[in-house]
Amino acid sequence: MGKTQNIATALILVGGYGTRLRPLTYTVPKPLVPFVNKPILEHQICALAKAGVNQIILALNYYSDLIIEEVKVYENKYNIKIIYSKEEIVLGTGGPLALSSKYLNGNFYVLNSDVICDYPFVEMMNYHLNTKNEVTMLTTHVEDPSRYGIVVTHENSKKVKSFIEKPFNSEIKRINAGIYVFNESILKRIEIREVSLEREIFQEVVKDNLLGIYELNGFWNDIGQIKDYLNGQHSYLKKYNLENCDVTKNVVIGKNVTIGQNVQIENSTVFDNVTIGSNVIIKDSIIGWNSIIQDNVQIINGSVLGNSVNVSTDCILDSYLVNPNKIIKF
């Protein structure tokens, strides 16, 4: 991947509550949830830095102090400047751009904070600069677009015609992938208030025929839900060969994890500082930080343990969501 020309800034929308990733997000905000042993946010910042971006604005709201503390080290690690833009009121997905407008010049990136993909930043920007688009939207194709809504383009064109929310049995599988390139002219359309890019601002840009798409040909995953998290992990592991990971069984093991005898782990993630006893089965589940799994335990079918959970001997957790600091006994 080369480096982007005429671009130095990106804004990442990190202010969401991450309710669909609870109980993990009771402990850390969604952007700091580990994905293959690295926070989701760090995956994005690393990719932006490789593309030549040297200034990143974090649009903050929920858990802002935790995010600031975590990303301080990224400035030196990735040789970038990080600016913190904190909302005093809820601003949606659009208002943060207006709040940060003094930093947004020329053409710049905007990212949702829960997207992991083969980030095509350089290619997308180069494409954008060769169009008259005010907004270029990254799109991808999924088997079931009903959760996302679909992006409809004009015939034989990459200009967006409309958006359809919650389509039923649509032949169109193209969705908004949550990454954009904006021209600074977009800022004239946005006020410092709660405003939605998707439902308000983009509708205006479409009417002016200034919203185009750049199609991603590669890995993409929205980490908004537990099922998506595990599916995304599997796709990621198939693509990259990483330490402490078992690609065939889709398993990621964090740091300082102790595992006993006769333990089966499949399609699961174990975060840092976890102790697992003997004769344990973990399938299709996530084990949060600092948890203790005692002997003869089964954790299966989308179970998620928050931080510092203690599961006693002989327990079976089937589709359980366990809040932090709980002791489970049956």
Foldseek 3Di string as FASTA:
>chain_A
DEAAPPEAEEEEEQADQLPQAPPASVVPGQQQDDALQGGLVVLVVQVNLRRPHAEYEYEYEPPVVVVCVVCPVVCVVSVHHYHYQYDPDAAAQFLSCLSVLVVDAFKYKYFYSQKDWPDPVRVQNVVLVPDQAQKEFEKEFDPQCQCAWAFDPDPPFQFTQDTGHRDDPDPGGIGGQGMMMGGSVLSVVDDNHHDYCVPPSVVVSSVVRRYGYDYDDTDMFGRSHLLRSLVSLLRVCVVDPDPQADNVQSEHEEACEAEEECEAEGSEYEYPQEYAYYCEYEYSEYEEANEYHYPQEYAYDHEYEYYHEYEDHNYYHHNHRHHHPYYDDD
